[in-house]
Amino acid sequence: MITRRKMKRNKVLVGMSGGVDSSVCAYILQKQGYEVTGLTLNVLGCKDSNCDDAKKICDRLGIKHVVLNLKEEFDEKIIKYFVDEYIKGRTPNPCVMCNREFKFEKMLQKADELGIKYVATGHYVKIKNINGRHILQKAKDGKKDQSYVLYRLSQEQLSRCIFPLGNYTKKEIRDIAKELGFENANKSDSQDICFVEDGNYSSLIHPKDNIKGDIVDVDGNVIGEHNGIYNYTIGQRKGIKISSNKPLYVVGIDKEKNRVIVGDKDKLFSKSLVAKDINWIDIPKNRMLVTARIRYHSKEALAIIEQKDDSVLVKFFRSQRAITPGQSVVFYKGKNLLGGGVIQ
C-alpha cells in the first residue's frame, strides 16, 4: 500500500456510476485542475449498461477508467444485511450501510493502491472543515440533498472526500451535461435501492423456517394470517388483506411471536424514539435542541436529543408518523449534519 506521503494532492478518484451526476462531477474536478481517474464499482454485473456509460464519459473526458468487480462481496456484505434485517422484522437502510461499509471503503482502498489522495462522488452535499472536524452540510438543492445517506462516514473517510455537486442544483448539473453533449444528460435518476428491481424486495428473501404467522390487533386478538413478517413495514396499509370497516395500518412487528400488529392510523404516531449504533460527524452536547429526520425523504422535525451510555433518546415536539426500527434518524443543527443512529 502506498503511504500518504507519496500521494499527489492534485489527484482524485471519482466514483462513476454511469449517471449524469457522477459524470459532471468528474468534469468539474477536471476543470478545477485535478488529475481525475474514474472508478466504477461493479456490484450488479453492470446491469443497464452502467459500466459502459461510465466508460463512454471517461473516454470523452480523456481520463482513465477502472472497474472493480465486487458482486460477490456486495452480496455478502450489503444484500445479506438487507435480507437479515427484514427477516428480523426491521426495515433496513442499505444505502446508508453501503456508503460507509462498502462504497467509500472500496474507493479509498483503490485510491491508496493508485497513490491518489482524494475520492469524490456525485452526491449532493457540502463538506467543510470546522474547528478541525470535517462537517457535512446540506446541499444547495434541498430537494436533492443527500447528507442523510452519508451520516455514517468517519472523520478519516471524510478527510479525503470531495463533493463538488453540493453547490449546484440538479437542473444546473443536467444543463452542464447537455452543453457538453453527454449521452446521459437526460438519463433518469437511479432508484433508491440499486439491487431491487421494480420494488420487489421480497423476491430476495428466502427464509428456511416457517414464515406464516398471525396478524393481530393492538389488543392481541388474532384477525388474520400473514405470509412472512418481511413482507410488512411500519405504516403499511396496502397488502394487509383483512376485511375491516376502517383502514388498518401496520403499527408493529413482533419477531419473537412472528406477529404483525395492525391498528388505526392514530396508532402510528409517537413523540419519542431510541437510537443506537450512533455515529457523530460533529461533537454534540449531552443534551441538544436539533432538527431530525426519521427517514431519507421525511421532513426535519424539532426535537431534543439526550445521550445515554450507548444510545440517544430523541424527544420530538410533535408526534411523528411511522417511526420504523432499522431506519436511521439523523440530526441537524441548522445546515450542519451532527450525526445519527439506527432506530430501535
Protein backbone atom coordinates (compact mmCIF):
# COMPACT_ATOMS: atom_id res chain seq x y z
CA MET A 1 0.00 0.00 0.00
CA ILE A 2 1.27 3.47 -0.89
CA THR A 3 1.81 5.76 2.06
CA ARG A 4 0.02 9.10 2.28
CA ARG A 5 3.34 10.97 1.95
CA LYS A 6 3.74 9.62 -1.57
CA MET A 7 0.27 10.64 -2.70
CA LYS A 8 -0.18 13.60 -5.00
CA ARG A 9 -2.72 16.05 -3.67
CA ASN A 10 -3.97 17.02 -7.15
CA LYS A 11 -5.20 13.51 -7.93
CA VAL A 12 -8.77 12.38 -7.33
CA LEU A 13 -10.58 9.09 -7.84
CA VAL A 14 -14.20 9.70 -8.88
CA GLY A 15 -16.91 7.10 -8.36
CA MET A 16 -18.56 6.73 -11.79
CA SER A 17 -21.99 5.08 -11.89
CA GLY A 18 -22.80 5.92 -15.48
CA GLY A 19 -25.28 8.56 -14.38
CA VAL A 20 -25.29 12.29 -15.06
CA ASP A 21 -24.27 13.35 -11.52
CA SER A 22 -21.02 11.39 -11.33
CA SER A 23 -20.20 12.28 -14.95
CA VAL A 24 -20.47 16.02 -14.34
CA CYS A 25 -18.64 15.55 -11.02
CA ALA A 26 -15.64 14.20 -12.95
CA TYR A 27 -15.83 17.07 -15.45
CA ILE A 28 -15.99 19.76 -12.73
CA LEU A 29 -12.95 18.36 -10.93
CA GLN A 30 -11.04 18.11 -14.18
CA LYS A 31 -11.82 21.78 -14.90
CA GLN A 32 -10.61 22.64 -11.39
CA GLY A 33 -7.21 21.20 -12.26
CA TYR A 34 -7.38 17.75 -10.71
CA GLU A 35 -5.92 14.71 -12.40
CA VAL A 36 -9.07 12.57 -12.48
CA THR A 37 -9.43 8.79 -12.63
CA GLY A 38 -12.89 7.26 -12.94
CA LEU A 39 -13.81 4.21 -10.85
CA THR A 40 -16.88 2.03 -11.32
CA LEU A 41 -17.80 -0.48 -8.63
CA ASN A 42 -19.47 -3.33 -10.49
CA VAL A 43 -21.75 -4.79 -7.84
CA LEU A 44 -24.65 -5.92 -10.03
CA GLY A 45 -22.94 -7.37 -13.07
CA CYS A 46 -23.24 -3.93 -14.69
CA LYS A 47 -26.95 -4.09 -15.36
CA ASP A 48 -28.45 -1.35 -17.56
CA SER A 49 -25.07 -0.78 -19.21
CA ASN A 50 -23.87 1.40 -16.31
CA CYS A 51 -20.25 0.36 -16.78
CA ASP A 52 -20.39 1.10 -20.50
CA ASP A 53 -21.99 4.50 -19.85
CA ALA A 54 -19.28 5.38 -17.33
CA LYS A 55 -16.52 4.34 -19.75
CA LYS A 56 -18.00 6.48 -22.53
CA ILE A 57 -17.86 9.56 -20.29
CA CYS A 58 -14.30 8.78 -19.18
CA ASP A 59 -13.24 8.37 -22.82
CA ARG A 60 -14.90 11.67 -23.71
CA LEU A 61 -13.05 13.42 -20.86
CA GLY A 62 -9.78 11.67 -21.72
CA ILE A 63 -9.39 10.09 -18.29
CA LYS A 64 -8.59 6.58 -17.18
CA HIS A 65 -11.48 4.30 -16.24
CA VAL A 66 -11.07 1.50 -13.69
CA VAL A 67 -13.68 -1.18 -12.94
CA LEU A 68 -13.73 -3.25 -9.75
CA ASN A 69 -15.82 -6.42 -9.94
CA LEU A 70 -17.27 -6.73 -6.45
CA LYS A 71 -20.57 -8.52 -6.89
CA GLU A 72 -19.76 -11.40 -4.51
CA GLU A 73 -18.52 -9.05 -1.77
CA PHE A 74 -21.53 -6.78 -2.22
CA ASP A 75 -23.91 -9.73 -1.99
CA GLU A 76 -22.24 -10.96 1.19
CA LYS A 77 -21.98 -7.61 2.94
CA ILE A 78 -24.89 -5.43 1.78
CA ILE A 79 -27.58 -7.70 0.37
CA LYS A 80 -27.15 -10.17 3.24
CA TYR A 81 -27.58 -7.32 5.74
CA PHE A 82 -30.67 -6.15 3.81
CA VAL A 83 -32.27 -9.61 3.88
CA ASP A 84 -31.33 -10.30 7.51
CA GLU A 85 -32.93 -7.06 8.70
CA TYR A 86 -36.24 -7.84 7.01
CA ILE A 87 -36.25 -11.36 8.45
CA LYS A 88 -35.79 -9.76 11.90
CA GLY A 89 -38.88 -7.63 11.31
CA ARG A 90 -36.89 -4.44 10.74
CA THR A 91 -36.69 -2.11 7.74
CA PRO A 92 -33.08 -1.71 6.58
CA ASN A 93 -31.19 1.28 5.19
CA PRO A 94 -28.96 -0.35 2.55
CA CYS A 95 -27.72 2.91 1.01
CA VAL A 96 -26.57 4.22 4.40
CA MET A 97 -24.81 0.94 5.18
CA CYS A 98 -23.26 0.71 1.73
CA ASN A 99 -21.73 4.18 1.79
CA ARG A 100 -19.58 3.66 4.87
CA GLU A 101 -19.08 -0.11 4.95
CA PHE A 102 -18.63 -0.70 1.24
CA LYS A 103 -18.60 2.09 -1.36
CA PHE A 104 -16.25 4.59 0.28
CA GLU A 105 -14.17 1.84 1.85
CA LYS A 106 -13.53 0.25 -1.56
CA MET A 107 -12.90 3.61 -3.21
CA LEU A 108 -10.35 4.60 -0.59
CA GLN A 109 -8.61 1.23 -0.79
CA LYS A 110 -8.25 1.64 -4.56
CA ALA A 111 -7.10 5.23 -4.14
CA ASP A 112 -4.36 4.02 -1.78
CA GLU A 113 -3.24 1.45 -4.36
CA LEU A 114 -3.08 4.12 -7.07
CA GLY A 115 -1.39 6.73 -4.89
CA ILE A 116 -4.39 9.05 -5.06
CA LYS A 117 -5.14 11.40 -2.17
CA TYR A 118 -8.83 12.14 -2.68
CA VAL A 119 -12.04 10.38 -3.65
CA ALA A 120 -15.14 12.10 -4.97
CA THR A 121 -18.74 11.20 -5.76
CA GLY A 122 -21.76 12.86 -7.33
CA HIS A 123 -23.63 13.17 -4.03
CA TYR A 124 -25.48 16.44 -3.43
CA VAL A 125 -23.86 17.51 -0.17
CA LYS A 126 -21.25 20.00 1.05
CA ILE A 127 -18.23 19.40 3.26
CA LYS A 128 -16.41 21.98 5.36
CA ASN A 129 -13.60 21.91 7.90
CA ILE A 130 -14.87 23.48 11.14
CA ASN A 131 -12.65 23.53 14.24
CA GLY A 132 -10.57 20.68 12.91
CA ARG A 133 -13.52 18.40 12.07
CA HIS A 134 -14.86 17.56 8.63
CA ILE A 135 -18.53 18.55 8.76
CA LEU A 136 -21.18 17.59 6.23
CA GLN A 137 -23.63 20.32 5.28
CA LYS A 138 -26.88 20.32 3.36
CA ALA A 139 -26.68 20.83 -0.39
CA LYS A 140 -27.79 23.97 -2.20
CA ASP A 141 -30.57 21.92 -3.83
CA GLY A 142 -32.75 20.98 -0.88
CA LYS A 143 -34.78 18.52 -2.94
CA LYS A 144 -31.64 16.57 -3.84
CA ASP A 145 -29.73 16.90 -0.55
CA GLN A 146 -28.10 13.54 0.26
CA SER A 147 -26.47 14.30 3.61
CA TYR A 148 -28.82 11.76 5.27
CA VAL A 149 -27.29 8.76 3.46
CA LEU A 150 -23.73 9.85 4.30
CA TYR A 151 -24.11 10.35 8.05
CA ARG A 152 -22.18 7.18 8.88
CA LEU A 153 -18.94 8.27 7.19
CA SER A 154 -15.98 8.53 9.58
CA GLN A 155 -13.73 11.54 10.03
CA GLU A 156 -10.93 9.55 8.38
CA GLN A 157 -13.10 8.92 5.33
CA LEU A 158 -14.42 12.49 5.20
CA SER A 159 -10.89 13.92 5.37
CA ARG A 160 -10.30 12.52 1.89
CA CYS A 161 -13.70 13.26 0.31
CA ILE A 162 -14.66 15.91 -2.24
CA PHE A 163 -18.31 16.59 -3.10
CA PRO A 164 -18.40 19.11 -5.98
CA LEU A 165 -22.18 18.98 -6.57
CA GLY A 166 -23.14 20.47 -3.21
CA ASN A 167 -23.18 23.97 -4.69
CA TYR A 168 -25.31 23.07 -7.73
CA THR A 169 -28.95 22.25 -8.39
CA LYS A 170 -29.92 19.14 -10.31
CA LYS A 171 -31.10 21.32 -13.20
CA GLU A 172 -27.72 23.06 -13.36
CA ILE A 173 -25.96 19.68 -13.49
CA ARG A 174 -28.20 18.45 -16.31
CA ASP A 175 -27.65 21.72 -18.19
CA ILE A 176 -23.87 21.28 -17.95
CA ALA A 177 -24.18 17.71 -19.24
CA LYS A 178 -26.30 18.88 -22.19
CA GLU A 179 -23.81 21.61 -23.07
CA LEU A 180 -21.03 19.01 -23.05
CA GLY A 181 -23.06 16.64 -25.20
CA PHE A 182 -23.04 13.84 -22.62
CA GLU A 183 -25.20 10.92 -23.78
CA ASN A 184 -26.57 10.52 -20.25
CA ALA A 185 -27.67 14.17 -19.85
CA ASN A 186 -31.31 13.12 -19.65
CA LYS A 187 -30.76 9.74 -18.04
CA SER A 188 -33.27 9.25 -15.24
CA ASP A 189 -32.02 9.08 -11.66
CA SER A 190 -31.23 5.66 -10.25
CA GLN A 191 -33.76 4.08 -7.91
CA ASP A 192 -33.17 4.30 -4.17
CA ILE A 193 -32.16 0.64 -3.82
CA CYS A 194 -30.00 -0.29 -6.81
CA PHE A 195 -30.28 -4.08 -6.40
CA VAL A 196 -34.08 -4.24 -6.05
CA GLU A 197 -35.97 -4.44 -9.33
CA ASP A 198 -39.47 -2.95 -9.58
CA GLY A 199 -39.63 -2.52 -5.80
CA ASN A 200 -39.99 -6.28 -5.29
CA TYR A 201 -37.51 -6.69 -2.44
CA SER A 202 -39.22 -9.78 -1.03
CA SER A 203 -38.02 -11.78 -4.04
CA LEU A 204 -34.54 -11.61 -2.50
CA ILE A 205 -35.65 -13.22 0.76
CA HIS A 206 -35.71 -16.99 1.10
CA PRO A 207 -36.13 -17.91 4.78
CA LYS A 208 -35.71 -21.57 5.75
CA ASP A 209 -38.16 -21.52 8.65
CA ASN A 210 -41.94 -21.48 8.51
CA ILE A 211 -42.86 -17.92 7.62
CA LYS A 212 -46.61 -17.78 8.22
CA GLY A 213 -47.99 -16.26 11.41
CA ASP A 214 -50.79 -14.25 12.95
CA ILE A 215 -51.94 -10.76 12.19
CA VAL A 216 -53.30 -9.29 15.42
CA ASP A 217 -54.92 -6.06 16.50
CA VAL A 218 -53.40 -3.81 19.16
CA ASP A 219 -55.19 -5.82 21.88
CA GLY A 220 -53.62 -9.08 20.70
CA ASN A 221 -56.73 -10.51 19.04
CA VAL A 222 -55.96 -12.68 16.01
CA ILE A 223 -57.69 -11.22 12.94
CA GLY A 224 -55.77 -12.77 10.07
CA GLU A 225 -52.66 -14.55 8.82
CA HIS A 226 -49.51 -13.15 7.25
CA ASN A 227 -47.16 -14.85 4.82
CA GLY A 228 -43.89 -13.63 6.35
CA ILE A 229 -43.11 -10.61 8.51
CA TYR A 230 -40.55 -9.46 5.96
CA ASN A 231 -43.44 -8.50 3.66
CA TYR A 232 -44.52 -5.77 6.07
CA THR A 233 -43.16 -2.49 7.34
CA ILE A 234 -44.42 0.10 9.83
CA GLY A 235 -47.01 2.42 8.30
CA GLN A 236 -48.00 -0.01 5.54
CA ARG A 237 -51.67 -0.07 4.52
CA LYS A 238 -51.77 -1.95 1.21
CA GLY A 239 -51.35 -5.70 1.17
CA ILE A 240 -52.71 -6.43 4.66
CA LYS A 241 -55.75 -8.15 3.08
CA ILE A 242 -58.08 -8.02 6.09
CA SER A 243 -61.71 -7.01 5.83
CA SER A 244 -62.45 -4.06 8.08
CA ASN A 245 -64.89 -1.18 8.26
CA LYS A 246 -61.97 1.21 8.69
CA PRO A 247 -58.45 1.44 7.24
CA LEU A 248 -55.85 -0.70 9.02
CA TYR A 249 -52.12 0.01 9.12
CA VAL A 250 -49.11 -1.99 10.24
CA VAL A 251 -48.24 -0.44 13.61
CA GLY A 252 -45.78 -3.05 14.90
CA ILE A 253 -43.89 -6.23 14.06
CA ASP A 254 -43.18 -8.83 16.76
CA LYS A 255 -40.32 -11.03 15.59
CA GLU A 256 -40.36 -13.24 18.70
CA LYS A 257 -44.03 -14.20 18.30
CA ASN A 258 -43.92 -13.95 14.48
CA ARG A 259 -46.79 -11.47 14.55
CA VAL A 260 -47.80 -8.45 12.51
CA ILE A 261 -49.72 -5.89 14.59
CA VAL A 262 -52.28 -3.67 12.88
CA GLY A 263 -54.30 -0.74 14.10
CA ASP A 264 -55.87 2.63 13.37
CA LYS A 265 -53.87 5.42 11.79
CA ASP A 266 -53.52 7.22 15.13
CA LYS A 267 -51.51 4.26 16.49
CA LEU A 268 -48.74 5.13 14.02
CA PHE A 269 -47.80 8.36 15.79
CA SER A 270 -45.20 8.72 18.52
CA LYS A 271 -43.23 11.55 20.14
CA SER A 272 -40.05 9.66 21.00
CA LEU A 273 -37.58 7.02 19.88
CA VAL A 274 -34.31 5.42 20.95
CA ALA A 275 -31.40 5.15 18.51
CA LYS A 276 -28.24 3.09 18.82
CA ASP A 277 -25.10 2.48 16.73
CA ILE A 278 -24.53 6.24 16.77
CA ASN A 279 -22.04 7.99 14.51
CA TRP A 280 -21.19 11.62 15.23
CA ILE A 281 -19.92 13.86 12.45
CA ASP A 282 -19.68 16.80 14.83
CA ILE A 283 -19.12 16.62 18.59
CA PRO A 284 -22.52 17.04 20.28
CA LYS A 285 -23.52 18.17 23.72
CA ASN A 286 -25.14 15.65 26.06
CA ARG A 287 -28.48 17.36 25.57
CA MET A 288 -29.29 19.39 22.48
CA LEU A 289 -32.10 21.02 20.55
CA VAL A 290 -31.90 19.77 16.96
CA THR A 291 -33.96 19.01 13.91
CA ALA A 292 -34.19 15.34 12.99
CA ARG A 293 -35.17 13.19 10.02
CA ILE A 294 -36.55 9.71 10.71
CA ARG A 295 -36.20 8.58 7.08
CA TYR A 296 -34.43 9.77 3.95
CA HIS A 297 -37.26 11.78 2.41
CA SER A 298 -39.05 12.88 5.58
CA LYS A 299 -39.22 16.49 6.71
CA GLU A 300 -36.99 17.61 9.56
CA ALA A 301 -38.77 17.85 12.91
CA LEU A 302 -37.78 19.81 16.00
CA ALA A 303 -36.52 17.53 18.78
CA ILE A 304 -34.39 17.32 21.90
CA ILE A 305 -31.72 14.62 21.96
CA GLU A 306 -30.21 13.19 25.13
CA GLN A 307 -27.13 10.96 25.06
CA LYS A 308 -27.21 7.79 27.13
CA ASP A 309 -24.43 5.21 27.58
CA ASP A 310 -24.69 3.63 24.14
CA SER A 311 -27.78 5.29 22.73
CA VAL A 312 -29.60 8.55 22.11
CA LEU A 313 -33.11 9.34 23.32
CA VAL A 314 -34.97 11.53 20.84
CA LYS A 315 -38.00 13.52 22.03
CA PHE A 316 -40.00 15.29 19.33
CA PHE A 317 -42.09 18.40 19.88
CA ARG A 318 -44.73 16.99 17.50
CA SER A 319 -45.70 13.36 17.03
CA GLN A 320 -44.01 11.61 14.11
CA ARG A 321 -45.71 9.12 11.82
CA ALA A 322 -44.41 5.55 11.40
CA ILE A 323 -41.12 5.63 13.33
CA THR A 324 -39.55 2.47 11.95
CA PRO A 325 -36.94 0.19 13.59
CA GLY A 326 -33.98 -0.37 11.29
CA GLN A 327 -34.24 3.04 9.64
CA SER A 328 -31.87 5.86 10.55
CA VAL A 329 -32.61 9.02 12.47
CA VAL A 330 -30.25 11.84 11.51
CA PHE A 331 -29.68 15.08 13.44
CA TYR A 332 -29.05 18.59 12.13
CA LYS A 333 -28.09 21.91 13.66
CA GLY A 334 -29.02 24.43 11.02
CA LYS A 335 -27.32 23.36 7.79
CA ASN A 336 -24.76 21.17 9.58
CA LEU A 337 -25.19 17.41 9.95
CA LEU A 338 -24.42 16.40 13.55
CA GLY A 339 -24.70 12.64 13.14
CA GLY A 340 -27.29 9.93 13.55
CA GLY A 341 -28.08 6.37 14.53
CA VAL A 342 -30.28 3.36 13.91
CA ILE A 343 -33.84 3.42 15.27
CA GLN A 344 -34.56 0.62 17.74
